[in-house]
N, C-alpha and C. Protein backbone atom coordinates (compact mmCIF):
# COMPACT_ATOMS: atom_id res chain seq x y z
N MET A 1 6.25 21.55 -35.16
CA MET A 1 7.08 20.36 -35.33
C MET A 1 7.38 19.75 -33.97
N ALA A 2 7.45 18.43 -33.92
CA ALA A 2 7.68 17.72 -32.66
C ALA A 2 9.09 17.99 -32.15
N ASP A 3 9.24 17.89 -30.85
CA ASP A 3 10.54 18.09 -30.21
C ASP A 3 11.37 16.83 -30.45
N MET A 4 12.25 16.87 -31.43
CA MET A 4 13.06 15.70 -31.79
C MET A 4 14.07 15.35 -30.70
N SER A 5 14.50 16.33 -29.93
CA SER A 5 15.50 16.04 -28.90
C SER A 5 14.94 15.10 -27.84
N ALA A 6 13.63 15.09 -27.66
CA ALA A 6 13.02 14.18 -26.68
C ALA A 6 13.27 12.73 -27.05
N MET A 7 13.36 12.45 -28.34
CA MET A 7 13.60 11.08 -28.79
C MET A 7 15.00 10.60 -28.43
N PHE A 8 15.92 11.53 -28.26
CA PHE A 8 17.31 11.15 -28.03
C PHE A 8 17.74 11.31 -26.58
N ARG A 9 16.86 11.81 -25.75
CA ARG A 9 17.18 11.95 -24.34
C ARG A 9 17.29 10.58 -23.69
N ARG A 10 18.22 10.46 -22.78
CA ARG A 10 18.34 9.20 -22.04
C ARG A 10 17.18 9.08 -21.06
N LYS A 11 16.75 7.86 -20.86
CA LYS A 11 15.68 7.62 -19.89
C LYS A 11 16.24 7.74 -18.48
N ASN A 12 15.40 8.19 -17.57
CA ASN A 12 15.78 8.20 -16.16
C ASN A 12 15.86 6.75 -15.68
N PRO A 13 16.81 6.44 -14.78
CA PRO A 13 16.95 5.07 -14.30
C PRO A 13 15.65 4.49 -13.75
N GLN A 14 14.89 5.31 -13.02
CA GLN A 14 13.67 4.81 -12.41
C GLN A 14 12.57 4.54 -13.45
N ASP A 15 12.77 5.01 -14.68
CA ASP A 15 11.80 4.75 -15.75
C ASP A 15 12.15 3.49 -16.55
N ARG A 16 13.29 2.89 -16.22
CA ARG A 16 13.72 1.66 -16.88
C ARG A 16 13.17 0.48 -16.08
N LEU A 17 13.20 -0.71 -16.67
CA LEU A 17 12.80 -1.91 -15.94
C LEU A 17 13.55 -3.11 -16.49
N VAL A 18 14.19 -3.84 -15.57
CA VAL A 18 14.84 -5.09 -15.92
C VAL A 18 13.95 -6.22 -15.39
N THR A 19 13.70 -7.20 -16.24
CA THR A 19 12.88 -8.35 -15.87
C THR A 19 13.71 -9.62 -16.00
N LEU A 20 13.75 -10.39 -14.92
CA LEU A 20 14.41 -11.69 -14.94
C LEU A 20 13.32 -12.76 -15.02
N ILE A 21 13.37 -13.56 -16.07
CA ILE A 21 12.42 -14.65 -16.23
C ILE A 21 13.18 -15.94 -15.95
N GLY A 22 12.74 -16.65 -14.92
CA GLY A 22 13.42 -17.86 -14.52
C GLY A 22 12.48 -18.85 -13.87
N LYS A 23 13.06 -19.80 -13.15
CA LYS A 23 12.25 -20.78 -12.43
C LYS A 23 12.97 -21.16 -11.14
N PRO A 24 12.23 -21.66 -10.17
CA PRO A 24 12.85 -22.09 -8.91
C PRO A 24 13.84 -23.23 -9.16
N GLY A 25 14.92 -23.23 -8.40
CA GLY A 25 15.90 -24.31 -8.48
C GLY A 25 16.83 -24.24 -9.67
N CYS A 26 16.86 -23.12 -10.36
CA CYS A 26 17.70 -22.94 -11.55
C CYS A 26 18.95 -22.17 -11.14
N HIS A 27 20.11 -22.84 -11.15
CA HIS A 27 21.34 -22.16 -10.69
C HIS A 27 21.75 -21.02 -11.61
N LEU A 28 21.49 -21.13 -12.92
CA LEU A 28 21.80 -20.01 -13.81
C LEU A 28 20.90 -18.81 -13.51
N CYS A 29 19.66 -19.09 -13.12
CA CYS A 29 18.74 -18.01 -12.75
C CYS A 29 19.24 -17.30 -11.50
N ASP A 30 19.73 -18.09 -10.54
CA ASP A 30 20.29 -17.50 -9.31
C ASP A 30 21.51 -16.64 -9.63
N ASP A 31 22.37 -17.15 -10.52
CA ASP A 31 23.55 -16.37 -10.93
C ASP A 31 23.14 -15.07 -11.62
N ALA A 32 22.14 -15.16 -12.49
CA ALA A 32 21.66 -13.97 -13.20
C ALA A 32 21.10 -12.95 -12.22
N GLN A 33 20.38 -13.43 -11.21
CA GLN A 33 19.78 -12.52 -10.24
C GLN A 33 20.84 -11.75 -9.47
N VAL A 34 21.94 -12.39 -9.14
CA VAL A 34 23.03 -11.70 -8.43
C VAL A 34 23.54 -10.53 -9.26
N VAL A 35 23.77 -10.75 -10.55
CA VAL A 35 24.27 -9.69 -11.44
C VAL A 35 23.22 -8.58 -11.57
N ILE A 36 21.97 -8.96 -11.78
CA ILE A 36 20.90 -7.97 -11.95
C ILE A 36 20.73 -7.13 -10.70
N GLU A 37 20.72 -7.78 -9.54
CA GLU A 37 20.58 -7.03 -8.28
C GLU A 37 21.71 -6.01 -8.13
N LYS A 38 22.94 -6.42 -8.43
CA LYS A 38 24.09 -5.52 -8.29
C LYS A 38 24.00 -4.34 -9.24
N VAL A 39 23.79 -4.62 -10.53
CA VAL A 39 23.75 -3.57 -11.54
C VAL A 39 22.58 -2.62 -11.27
N CYS A 40 21.42 -3.16 -10.99
CA CYS A 40 20.24 -2.32 -10.77
C CYS A 40 20.39 -1.47 -9.51
N ALA A 41 20.99 -2.04 -8.47
CA ALA A 41 21.23 -1.26 -7.25
C ALA A 41 22.20 -0.12 -7.53
N ASP A 42 23.26 -0.43 -8.27
CA ASP A 42 24.27 0.60 -8.58
C ASP A 42 23.67 1.74 -9.41
N LEU A 43 22.78 1.39 -10.35
CA LEU A 43 22.25 2.39 -11.28
C LEU A 43 20.89 2.97 -10.87
N GLY A 44 20.29 2.42 -9.82
CA GLY A 44 18.97 2.90 -9.38
C GLY A 44 17.85 2.48 -10.30
N VAL A 45 18.01 1.32 -10.95
CA VAL A 45 17.01 0.82 -11.89
C VAL A 45 16.18 -0.26 -11.21
N PRO A 46 14.85 -0.18 -11.29
CA PRO A 46 14.02 -1.23 -10.71
C PRO A 46 14.12 -2.53 -11.52
N TRP A 47 13.88 -3.64 -10.83
CA TRP A 47 13.87 -4.93 -11.53
C TRP A 47 12.80 -5.80 -10.92
N GLU A 48 12.39 -6.81 -11.69
CA GLU A 48 11.37 -7.73 -11.22
C GLU A 48 11.76 -9.15 -11.63
N HIS A 49 11.19 -10.12 -10.93
CA HIS A 49 11.43 -11.52 -11.24
C HIS A 49 10.10 -12.16 -11.63
N LYS A 50 10.10 -12.88 -12.73
CA LYS A 50 8.89 -13.61 -13.14
C LYS A 50 9.22 -15.09 -13.19
N ASP A 51 8.34 -15.89 -12.59
CA ASP A 51 8.51 -17.34 -12.52
C ASP A 51 7.86 -17.98 -13.74
N ILE A 52 8.67 -18.59 -14.56
CA ILE A 52 8.18 -19.18 -15.82
C ILE A 52 7.18 -20.31 -15.56
N THR A 53 7.26 -20.93 -14.38
CA THR A 53 6.35 -22.03 -14.07
C THR A 53 4.96 -21.53 -13.71
N GLN A 54 4.83 -20.22 -13.50
CA GLN A 54 3.55 -19.64 -13.11
C GLN A 54 2.86 -18.88 -14.24
N ASP A 55 3.47 -18.88 -15.43
CA ASP A 55 2.94 -18.10 -16.54
C ASP A 55 3.06 -18.90 -17.83
N GLU A 56 1.94 -19.38 -18.34
CA GLU A 56 1.93 -20.24 -19.52
C GLU A 56 2.56 -19.57 -20.74
N GLU A 57 2.28 -18.30 -20.94
CA GLU A 57 2.82 -17.58 -22.10
C GLU A 57 4.34 -17.45 -22.01
N LEU A 58 4.84 -17.07 -20.83
CA LEU A 58 6.29 -16.98 -20.66
C LEU A 58 6.93 -18.35 -20.84
N HIS A 59 6.29 -19.38 -20.31
CA HIS A 59 6.80 -20.75 -20.43
C HIS A 59 6.93 -21.13 -21.91
N ARG A 60 5.88 -20.88 -22.68
CA ARG A 60 5.88 -21.22 -24.09
C ARG A 60 6.97 -20.45 -24.85
N GLN A 61 7.10 -19.18 -24.52
CA GLN A 61 8.00 -18.31 -25.27
C GLN A 61 9.48 -18.52 -24.91
N TYR A 62 9.78 -18.78 -23.63
CA TYR A 62 11.17 -18.72 -23.18
C TYR A 62 11.72 -20.00 -22.55
N TRP A 63 10.96 -21.08 -22.52
CA TRP A 63 11.38 -22.27 -21.77
C TRP A 63 12.80 -22.73 -22.11
N GLU A 64 13.17 -22.72 -23.36
CA GLU A 64 14.48 -23.22 -23.77
C GLU A 64 15.62 -22.26 -23.45
N GLN A 65 15.31 -21.05 -23.03
CA GLN A 65 16.34 -20.02 -22.90
C GLN A 65 16.60 -19.57 -21.47
N ILE A 66 15.82 -19.98 -20.49
CA ILE A 66 15.95 -19.39 -19.16
C ILE A 66 17.34 -19.60 -18.56
N PRO A 67 17.80 -18.63 -17.79
CA PRO A 67 17.11 -17.38 -17.49
C PRO A 67 17.16 -16.42 -18.68
N VAL A 68 16.10 -15.66 -18.81
CA VAL A 68 15.99 -14.64 -19.84
C VAL A 68 15.93 -13.29 -19.15
N VAL A 69 16.64 -12.32 -19.69
CA VAL A 69 16.62 -10.97 -19.13
C VAL A 69 16.03 -10.02 -20.17
N LEU A 70 15.02 -9.27 -19.74
CA LEU A 70 14.42 -8.24 -20.57
C LEU A 70 14.83 -6.89 -20.03
N VAL A 71 15.06 -5.95 -20.92
CA VAL A 71 15.29 -4.55 -20.55
C VAL A 71 14.18 -3.76 -21.21
N ASP A 72 13.36 -3.13 -20.40
CA ASP A 72 12.21 -2.36 -20.90
C ASP A 72 11.33 -3.21 -21.81
N GLY A 73 11.16 -4.48 -21.46
CA GLY A 73 10.26 -5.36 -22.18
C GLY A 73 10.84 -6.03 -23.42
N GLU A 74 12.09 -5.68 -23.77
CA GLU A 74 12.75 -6.27 -24.93
C GLU A 74 13.81 -7.25 -24.46
N GLN A 75 13.92 -8.40 -25.14
CA GLN A 75 14.91 -9.39 -24.72
C GLN A 75 16.32 -8.82 -24.84
N HIS A 76 17.06 -8.90 -23.74
CA HIS A 76 18.44 -8.42 -23.68
C HIS A 76 19.42 -9.59 -23.84
N THR A 77 19.17 -10.66 -23.11
CA THR A 77 20.06 -11.81 -23.15
C THR A 77 19.36 -13.02 -22.57
N PHE A 78 20.03 -14.17 -22.65
CA PHE A 78 19.54 -15.37 -21.99
C PHE A 78 20.73 -16.22 -21.55
N TRP A 79 20.47 -17.19 -20.69
CA TRP A 79 21.43 -18.10 -20.07
C TRP A 79 22.39 -17.41 -19.14
N ARG A 80 23.29 -16.60 -19.64
CA ARG A 80 24.27 -15.92 -18.77
C ARG A 80 24.17 -14.41 -18.95
N VAL A 81 24.24 -13.71 -17.83
CA VAL A 81 24.13 -12.25 -17.86
C VAL A 81 25.53 -11.66 -17.71
N ASN A 82 25.92 -10.83 -18.68
CA ASN A 82 27.19 -10.15 -18.64
C ASN A 82 26.98 -8.79 -17.96
N GLU A 83 27.67 -8.58 -16.84
CA GLU A 83 27.46 -7.36 -16.06
C GLU A 83 27.72 -6.09 -16.87
N GLU A 84 28.84 -6.04 -17.58
CA GLU A 84 29.17 -4.82 -18.35
C GLU A 84 28.16 -4.58 -19.47
N ARG A 85 27.73 -5.64 -20.13
CA ARG A 85 26.76 -5.48 -21.21
C ARG A 85 25.43 -4.95 -20.67
N LEU A 86 25.01 -5.46 -19.50
CA LEU A 86 23.77 -4.97 -18.90
C LEU A 86 23.92 -3.50 -18.50
N ARG A 87 25.05 -3.15 -17.92
CA ARG A 87 25.29 -1.74 -17.55
C ARG A 87 25.18 -0.83 -18.78
N LYS A 88 25.79 -1.24 -19.88
CA LYS A 88 25.75 -0.44 -21.11
C LYS A 88 24.32 -0.30 -21.62
N ALA A 89 23.55 -1.38 -21.55
CA ALA A 89 22.17 -1.34 -22.03
C ALA A 89 21.33 -0.37 -21.21
N LEU A 90 21.70 -0.19 -19.94
CA LEU A 90 20.92 0.68 -19.05
C LEU A 90 21.49 2.09 -18.98
N ALA A 91 22.66 2.31 -19.52
CA ALA A 91 23.31 3.63 -19.43
C ALA A 91 22.65 4.64 -20.35
C-alpha cells in the first residue's frame, strides 16, 4: 500500500514556487512584487516574474487580471496581493 502520509506532508519552502505575472509600468504589479519579495524572503520560497507582454499565452489568459499571482502553478490571486493570505498559502 502507498505511503498515505506522504500526501499530507508539507512541502519544503524551496520546493514551492510563486509566480508574478505582470507587465512593465504597472503600479499594481510593482505593489504585488514588494509583497511577494517580502513573504518569499521570510519563508525561503523562490519566486519568479513573468512579463505578460512577452508571452502570448499568458497575455490571452490573464490580461484582464494582472497582476496575477500563482502558487505552485495554480492561480492564487489577482490585482492585489494580501500578505497574510499568501503566507498561509505557503505555510
